[in-house]
Amino acid sequence: MSKDKGLGLVLGSAIVPEALAPLAREAEELGFDELWFSEDCFFTGGISGAAIALASTERIRVGLGIVSAMLRHPALLAMEVATLARAFPDRLTAGVGLGVPGWLRQVGRMPESPLGAVTECVTALRRLLDGQRIEGKGDYFAFDGVALAHPAGGVPIRLGAVGRKMLQLSGEIADGSILSVCAGPEYIRWARRQVEIGRARREGKLPPHRITVFSLYAVDPDGSQARAAVRPLLAFYLGADGVNDLTRAEGVADAVAEISGRGGVDALVAEIPDGWLDRLAICGTPEQCATRITEFYEAGADSIALFPVAGDRLSETAQLTARSVFSLLEVTK
């Protein structure tokens, strides 16, 4: 296994803010490569959470995964990203995406064209970070001589993407992609192909496009306990997202539609086949989890962000992972 493969933790936004600093320090001490901060409305802030983690640690890389392109003007987002990147050099990754449509509708920010809105945001963000002055009005954002006083060129920008068009856009305009929970090996392979289609639209020699996969995670010496812990959350996400390119690529779209159509998330919790748990999450004994992680790497993931389903036991999960899973991986920790 290549040494450039990463293994990180997602500090979900449901974690109380006062727990972030000690958890970040512990993750670094245990040897995790990355910390990722989701930004779910309306819980703990992703940018403020990342700032806490960066200030509480010395080496570990910290990623925004993801902030919504629609909830901050790109000029404000660039200002925040540049501040963190300059205060903590070479440790920040900026993850940007559309955001959850339901939450965007709650605050009146769901765009008519998600692709157009994300393109405008990411393009402006990169230009501002590189020190350019921006003029003009797009469909979603306007700039009248906007430039950063303290730009920070070179910050990696990754695009959170699920569907074909957004993945291709990621290959075209971003440095990497962040794949949502429920991604399995078949979807990771399919997503990598879509990214490459987008990269083919660019000119010149391109740097590697890194793909980070978020994965629901539970590890326990009793594998059945870990699988039981993942089942309800996997059912929730499958029910919420329904039929999409991810479930199609994994070959479960029709079954998800049929089961959820009969009884919603409750039916999915009861009827999800064990095989889905093995493919669409990382759960089980330490040996089983190490096998799944390796399969995700082999499918095309450059890094995996483990999203512990038991948020109240995150420290315990991190310690067990470092003690019993790291040693089973060929990745050098």
Protein backbone atom coordinates (compact mmCIF):
# COMPACT_ATOMS: atom_id res chain seq x y z
CA MET A 1 0.00 0.00 0.00
CA SER A 2 1.34 3.44 -0.90
CA LYS A 3 2.55 5.58 1.98
CA ASP A 4 0.64 8.58 0.65
CA LYS A 5 -2.70 7.07 1.66
CA GLY A 6 -4.31 8.93 4.55
CA LEU A 7 -6.62 7.93 7.37
CA GLY A 8 -8.53 10.58 9.26
CA LEU A 9 -11.44 11.27 11.56
CA VAL A 10 -14.56 13.33 10.97
CA LEU A 11 -15.46 15.41 13.98
CA GLY A 12 -19.14 15.62 13.22
CA SER A 13 -20.88 18.88 13.83
CA ALA A 14 -23.15 17.28 16.41
CA ILE A 15 -20.15 17.09 18.75
CA VAL A 16 -20.37 19.81 21.39
CA PRO A 17 -17.87 22.64 20.76
CA GLU A 18 -16.13 22.26 24.12
CA ALA A 19 -15.09 18.70 23.18
CA LEU A 20 -13.32 19.65 19.94
CA ALA A 21 -9.95 20.74 21.31
CA PRO A 22 -9.27 17.64 23.44
CA LEU A 23 -10.51 15.33 20.68
CA ALA A 24 -8.28 17.01 18.11
CA ARG A 25 -5.23 16.71 20.37
CA GLU A 26 -5.98 13.06 21.05
CA ALA A 27 -6.39 12.26 17.35
CA GLU A 28 -2.99 13.81 16.61
CA GLU A 29 -1.33 11.97 19.48
CA LEU A 30 -2.82 8.67 18.30
CA GLY A 31 -1.38 9.09 14.81
CA PHE A 32 -4.34 9.99 12.60
CA ASP A 33 -3.33 11.86 9.45
CA GLU A 34 -6.29 14.21 9.08
CA LEU A 35 -9.23 15.78 10.86
CA TRP A 36 -12.32 16.77 8.89
CA PHE A 37 -15.06 19.14 9.97
CA SER A 38 -18.48 18.70 8.50
CA GLU A 39 -20.78 21.72 8.73
CA ASP A 40 -24.34 20.54 9.23
CA CYS A 41 -26.98 23.19 9.78
CA PHE A 42 -27.44 24.21 12.49
CA PHE A 43 -24.85 22.62 14.69
CA THR A 44 -21.14 23.34 15.28
CA GLY A 45 -19.55 25.63 12.69
CA GLY A 46 -17.06 24.05 10.31
CA ILE A 47 -14.67 27.00 10.02
CA SER A 48 -14.70 27.79 13.74
CA GLY A 49 -14.30 24.08 14.50
CA ALA A 50 -11.33 23.85 12.16
CA ALA A 51 -9.79 26.89 13.83
CA ILE A 52 -10.12 25.25 17.25
CA ALA A 53 -8.50 22.05 15.97
CA LEU A 54 -5.62 23.85 14.26
CA ALA A 55 -4.90 25.92 17.34
CA SER A 56 -5.01 22.84 19.58
CA THR A 57 -2.59 20.71 17.53
CA GLU A 58 0.82 21.01 15.90
CA ARG A 59 1.01 18.74 12.84
CA ILE A 60 -2.25 17.10 11.84
CA ARG A 61 -3.90 18.31 8.65
CA VAL A 62 -7.38 19.80 9.03
CA GLY A 63 -10.04 19.87 6.34
CA LEU A 64 -13.35 21.64 5.87
CA GLY A 65 -15.67 18.93 4.70
CA ILE A 66 -17.68 20.68 3.50
CA VAL A 67 -18.77 24.30 3.74
CA SER A 68 -21.70 25.32 1.57
CA ALA A 69 -21.03 27.48 -1.47
CA MET A 70 -24.34 29.22 -0.82
CA LEU A 71 -24.13 30.14 2.86
CA ARG A 72 -21.11 32.48 2.64
CA HIS A 73 -20.18 34.92 -0.07
CA PRO A 74 -16.94 33.66 -1.70
CA ALA A 75 -15.16 36.84 -0.57
CA LEU A 76 -16.00 36.09 3.07
CA LEU A 77 -15.11 32.40 2.61
CA ALA A 78 -11.77 33.37 1.04
CA MET A 79 -11.04 35.74 3.93
CA GLU A 80 -11.66 32.99 6.50
CA VAL A 81 -9.71 30.34 4.59
CA ALA A 82 -6.76 32.65 3.99
CA THR A 83 -6.61 33.61 7.66
CA LEU A 84 -6.42 29.98 8.78
CA ALA A 85 -4.02 28.99 6.01
CA ARG A 86 -1.57 31.76 6.86
CA ALA A 87 -1.80 31.23 10.62
CA PHE A 88 -1.26 27.45 10.21
CA PRO A 89 0.82 26.97 7.04
CA ASP A 90 0.41 23.80 4.96
CA ARG A 91 -2.20 22.31 7.28
CA LEU A 92 -5.56 23.40 5.87
CA THR A 93 -7.66 21.88 3.09
CA ALA A 94 -10.72 23.84 1.95
CA GLY A 95 -13.67 21.62 1.11
CA VAL A 96 -16.58 23.32 -0.64
CA GLY A 97 -19.84 21.96 -2.01
CA LEU A 98 -23.46 22.87 -2.59
CA GLY A 99 -24.72 21.83 0.83
CA VAL A 100 -27.83 19.87 1.80
CA PRO A 101 -30.76 21.12 -0.32
CA GLY A 102 -33.25 20.89 2.54
CA TRP A 103 -31.15 23.12 4.76
CA LEU A 104 -30.52 25.59 1.93
CA ARG A 105 -34.27 25.85 1.36
CA GLN A 106 -34.75 26.58 5.07
CA VAL A 107 -32.75 29.77 4.70
CA GLY A 108 -33.81 30.63 1.15
CA ARG A 109 -30.45 29.85 -0.44
CA MET A 110 -31.15 26.90 -2.76
CA PRO A 111 -29.82 27.96 -6.19
CA GLU A 112 -31.61 27.35 -9.46
CA SER A 113 -28.39 25.87 -10.86
CA PRO A 114 -26.28 24.02 -8.28
CA LEU A 115 -23.49 23.51 -10.80
CA GLY A 116 -23.48 27.18 -11.71
CA ALA A 117 -23.44 28.33 -8.10
CA VAL A 118 -20.63 25.98 -7.08
CA THR A 119 -18.60 26.94 -10.15
CA GLU A 120 -18.89 30.64 -9.34
CA CYS A 121 -17.98 30.12 -5.71
CA VAL A 122 -14.97 27.85 -6.22
CA THR A 123 -13.59 29.87 -9.12
CA ALA A 124 -13.82 33.12 -7.14
CA LEU A 125 -12.39 31.49 -4.03
CA ARG A 126 -9.30 30.30 -5.88
CA ARG A 127 -8.73 33.66 -7.57
CA LEU A 128 -9.04 35.57 -4.31
CA LEU A 129 -6.72 33.19 -2.45
CA ASP A 130 -4.20 33.65 -5.26
CA GLY A 131 -4.25 37.40 -4.68
CA GLN A 132 -6.33 38.47 -7.67
CA ARG A 133 -8.78 41.37 -7.70
CA ILE A 134 -12.24 40.43 -8.93
CA GLU A 135 -14.74 42.54 -10.80
CA GLY A 136 -18.12 41.59 -12.19
CA LYS A 137 -21.50 40.12 -11.45
CA GLY A 138 -22.45 36.50 -11.94
CA ASP A 139 -25.76 34.73 -11.48
CA TYR A 140 -25.17 34.28 -7.74
CA PHE A 141 -22.31 36.50 -6.57
CA ALA A 142 -21.15 40.04 -7.36
CA PHE A 143 -17.69 41.59 -6.94
CA ASP A 144 -16.76 45.24 -7.18
CA GLY A 145 -13.00 45.45 -6.91
CA VAL A 146 -12.72 42.70 -4.28
CA ALA A 147 -9.25 41.55 -3.24
CA LEU A 148 -7.80 40.06 -0.07
CA ALA A 149 -5.34 42.08 1.98
CA HIS A 150 -3.72 38.81 3.08
CA PRO A 151 -4.07 36.23 0.27
CA ALA A 152 -2.89 32.64 0.70
CA GLY A 153 -2.10 30.96 -2.59
CA GLY A 154 -1.69 27.21 -2.80
CA VAL A 155 -4.46 26.17 -0.40
CA PRO A 156 -5.91 22.88 -1.73
CA ILE A 157 -9.57 23.22 -2.70
CA ARG A 158 -11.64 20.05 -2.83
CA LEU A 159 -15.18 19.78 -4.06
CA GLY A 160 -17.84 17.81 -2.20
CA ALA A 161 -19.68 15.88 -4.89
CA VAL A 162 -22.06 12.97 -5.36
CA GLY A 163 -23.52 13.02 -8.88
CA ARG A 164 -21.90 12.68 -12.28
CA LYS A 165 -21.98 16.35 -13.27
CA MET A 166 -20.63 17.62 -9.96
CA LEU A 167 -17.83 15.02 -9.96
CA GLN A 168 -16.84 16.02 -13.47
CA LEU A 169 -16.89 19.65 -12.38
CA SER A 170 -14.62 18.72 -9.49
CA GLY A 171 -12.11 17.23 -11.91
CA GLU A 172 -12.27 20.39 -13.97
CA ILE A 173 -11.92 23.11 -11.32
CA ALA A 174 -10.81 21.55 -8.01
CA ASP A 175 -7.67 19.96 -6.56
CA GLY A 176 -9.55 17.00 -5.15
CA SER A 177 -12.95 15.55 -4.32
CA ILE A 178 -14.77 14.62 -1.12
CA LEU A 179 -17.18 11.70 -1.45
CA SER A 180 -20.17 11.41 0.83
CA VAL A 181 -20.91 8.70 3.36
CA CYS A 182 -22.50 5.56 1.88
CA ALA A 183 -19.79 5.44 -0.80
CA GLY A 184 -18.67 1.89 -1.48
CA PRO A 185 -15.91 0.47 -3.69
CA GLU A 186 -17.99 0.38 -6.87
CA TYR A 187 -19.07 3.97 -6.44
CA ILE A 188 -15.51 5.08 -5.64
CA ARG A 189 -14.32 3.53 -8.91
CA TRP A 190 -17.19 5.14 -10.81
CA ALA A 191 -16.57 8.52 -9.16
CA ARG A 192 -12.89 8.39 -10.06
CA ARG A 193 -13.84 7.85 -13.72
CA GLN A 194 -16.15 10.88 -13.64
CA VAL A 195 -13.41 13.03 -12.13
CA GLU A 196 -11.03 12.00 -14.89
CA ILE A 197 -13.57 13.07 -17.51
CA GLY A 198 -13.51 16.53 -15.96
CA ARG A 199 -9.73 16.60 -15.73
CA ALA A 200 -9.51 15.87 -19.44
CA ARG A 201 -11.11 19.27 -20.06
CA ARG A 202 -8.15 21.04 -18.46
CA GLU A 203 -4.94 21.98 -20.20
CA GLY A 204 -1.34 21.42 -19.22
CA LYS A 205 0.27 19.09 -16.72
CA LEU A 206 -2.06 18.49 -13.81
CA PRO A 207 -1.16 17.61 -10.23
CA PRO A 208 -2.78 14.49 -8.73
CA HIS A 209 -6.46 14.82 -7.85
CA ARG A 210 -6.89 13.41 -4.36
CA ILE A 211 -10.15 11.75 -3.39
CA THR A 212 -11.23 11.62 0.24
CA VAL A 213 -14.06 9.27 1.16
CA PHE A 214 -16.18 9.90 4.23
CA SER A 215 -17.39 6.61 5.68
CA LEU A 216 -19.72 5.74 8.53
CA TYR A 217 -17.58 3.89 11.04
CA ALA A 218 -17.92 1.60 14.03
CA VAL A 219 -15.32 -0.79 15.39
CA ASP A 220 -15.80 -3.27 18.22
CA PRO A 221 -14.23 -6.60 19.23
CA ASP A 222 -17.79 -7.88 18.82
CA GLY A 223 -18.38 -7.22 15.13
CA SER A 224 -22.14 -7.66 15.48
CA GLN A 225 -22.26 -4.74 17.91
CA ALA A 226 -20.42 -2.50 15.47
CA ARG A 227 -22.71 -3.48 12.60
CA ALA A 228 -25.79 -2.86 14.71
CA ALA A 229 -24.49 0.61 15.58
CA VAL A 230 -24.02 1.56 11.91
CA ARG A 231 -27.32 0.15 10.62
CA PRO A 232 -29.72 2.97 11.66
CA LEU A 233 -27.49 5.78 10.42
CA LEU A 234 -26.80 4.04 7.11
CA ALA A 235 -30.55 3.59 6.72
CA PHE A 236 -31.10 7.27 7.47
CA TYR A 237 -28.65 8.44 4.80
CA LEU A 238 -29.90 5.97 2.20
CA GLY A 239 -33.48 7.02 2.89
CA ALA A 240 -32.64 10.71 2.75
CA ASP A 241 -30.69 10.53 -0.50
CA GLY A 242 -32.89 7.94 -2.19
CA VAL A 243 -32.11 7.00 -5.76
CA ASN A 244 -29.01 8.81 -6.99
CA ASP A 245 -25.77 8.11 -8.82
CA LEU A 246 -24.21 6.61 -5.70
CA THR A 247 -26.93 4.03 -5.10
CA ARG A 248 -27.06 3.27 -8.83
CA ALA A 249 -23.33 2.67 -8.99
CA GLU A 250 -23.54 0.35 -5.99
CA GLY A 251 -26.50 -1.51 -7.49
CA VAL A 252 -28.88 -0.85 -4.59
CA ALA A 253 -31.03 1.97 -5.99
CA ASP A 254 -34.08 -0.14 -6.84
CA ALA A 255 -34.00 -1.95 -3.51
CA VAL A 256 -33.64 1.31 -1.57
CA ALA A 257 -36.61 2.79 -3.43
CA GLU A 258 -38.75 -0.30 -2.89
CA ILE A 259 -37.97 -0.74 0.81
CA SER A 260 -38.23 2.94 1.72
CA GLY A 261 -41.41 3.22 -0.34
CA ARG A 262 -43.02 0.58 1.84
CA GLY A 263 -41.94 1.89 5.22
CA GLY A 264 -39.40 4.68 5.07
CA VAL A 265 -36.30 4.65 7.23
CA ASP A 266 -37.81 2.18 9.72
CA ALA A 267 -38.15 -0.38 6.96
CA LEU A 268 -34.59 0.25 5.79
CA VAL A 269 -33.27 -0.25 9.32
CA ALA A 270 -35.06 -3.59 9.53
CA GLU A 271 -34.30 -4.82 6.02
CA ILE A 272 -30.85 -3.57 5.02
CA PRO A 273 -28.92 -6.69 4.00
CA ASP A 274 -25.71 -7.36 5.88
CA GLY A 275 -23.89 -7.12 2.56
CA TRP A 276 -24.80 -3.44 2.32
CA LEU A 277 -23.14 -2.79 5.68
CA ASP A 278 -19.98 -4.40 4.37
CA ARG A 279 -19.97 -2.34 1.16
CA LEU A 280 -21.36 1.05 2.17
CA ALA A 281 -19.74 1.55 5.57
CA ILE A 282 -16.64 0.52 7.51
CA CYS A 283 -17.75 -1.50 10.49
CA GLY A 284 -17.07 -4.69 12.38
CA THR A 285 -14.09 -6.11 14.22
CA PRO A 286 -10.70 -4.40 13.85
CA GLU A 287 -9.76 -7.04 11.27
CA GLN A 288 -12.95 -6.44 9.27
CA CYS A 289 -12.49 -2.67 9.40
CA ALA A 290 -8.90 -2.94 8.19
CA THR A 291 -10.07 -5.09 5.28
CA ARG A 292 -12.74 -2.55 4.32
CA ILE A 293 -10.29 0.36 4.55
CA THR A 294 -7.89 -1.49 2.25
CA GLU A 295 -10.72 -2.18 -0.22
CA PHE A 296 -11.60 1.52 -0.31
CA TYR A 297 -7.97 2.43 -0.99
CA GLU A 298 -7.75 -0.14 -3.76
CA ALA A 299 -10.94 1.25 -5.33
CA GLY A 300 -9.36 4.69 -5.69
CA ALA A 301 -9.59 6.52 -2.35
CA ASP A 302 -6.49 8.52 -1.48
CA SER A 303 -7.68 9.11 2.06
CA ILE A 304 -10.53 7.89 4.21
CA ALA A 305 -12.25 10.02 6.82
CA LEU A 306 -13.81 7.73 9.39
CA PHE A 307 -17.12 9.13 10.64
CA PRO A 308 -17.79 7.43 14.00
CA VAL A 309 -21.49 6.77 14.46
CA ALA A 310 -21.18 6.82 18.25
CA GLY A 311 -20.35 10.47 18.79
CA ASP A 312 -20.46 10.08 22.56
CA ARG A 313 -17.74 7.40 22.36
CA LEU A 314 -15.43 9.10 19.89
CA SER A 315 -12.37 8.98 22.15
CA GLU A 316 -12.89 5.28 22.81
CA THR A 317 -13.36 4.61 19.09
CA ALA A 318 -10.23 6.55 18.15
CA GLN A 319 -8.14 4.71 20.75
CA LEU A 320 -9.37 1.28 19.64
CA THR A 321 -8.69 2.18 16.02
CA ALA A 322 -5.13 3.30 16.76
CA ARG A 323 -4.47 0.28 18.94
CA SER A 324 -6.07 -2.45 16.85
CA VAL A 325 -6.65 -1.25 13.27
CA PHE A 326 -3.52 0.76 12.39
CA SER A 327 -1.26 -2.27 12.84
CA LEU A 328 -3.36 -4.28 10.37
CA LEU A 329 -2.98 -1.74 7.58
CA GLU A 330 -0.06 -1.62 5.18
CA VAL A 331 -0.30 2.18 5.27
CA THR A 332 2.59 3.55 7.31
CA LYS A 333 1.14 5.43 10.28
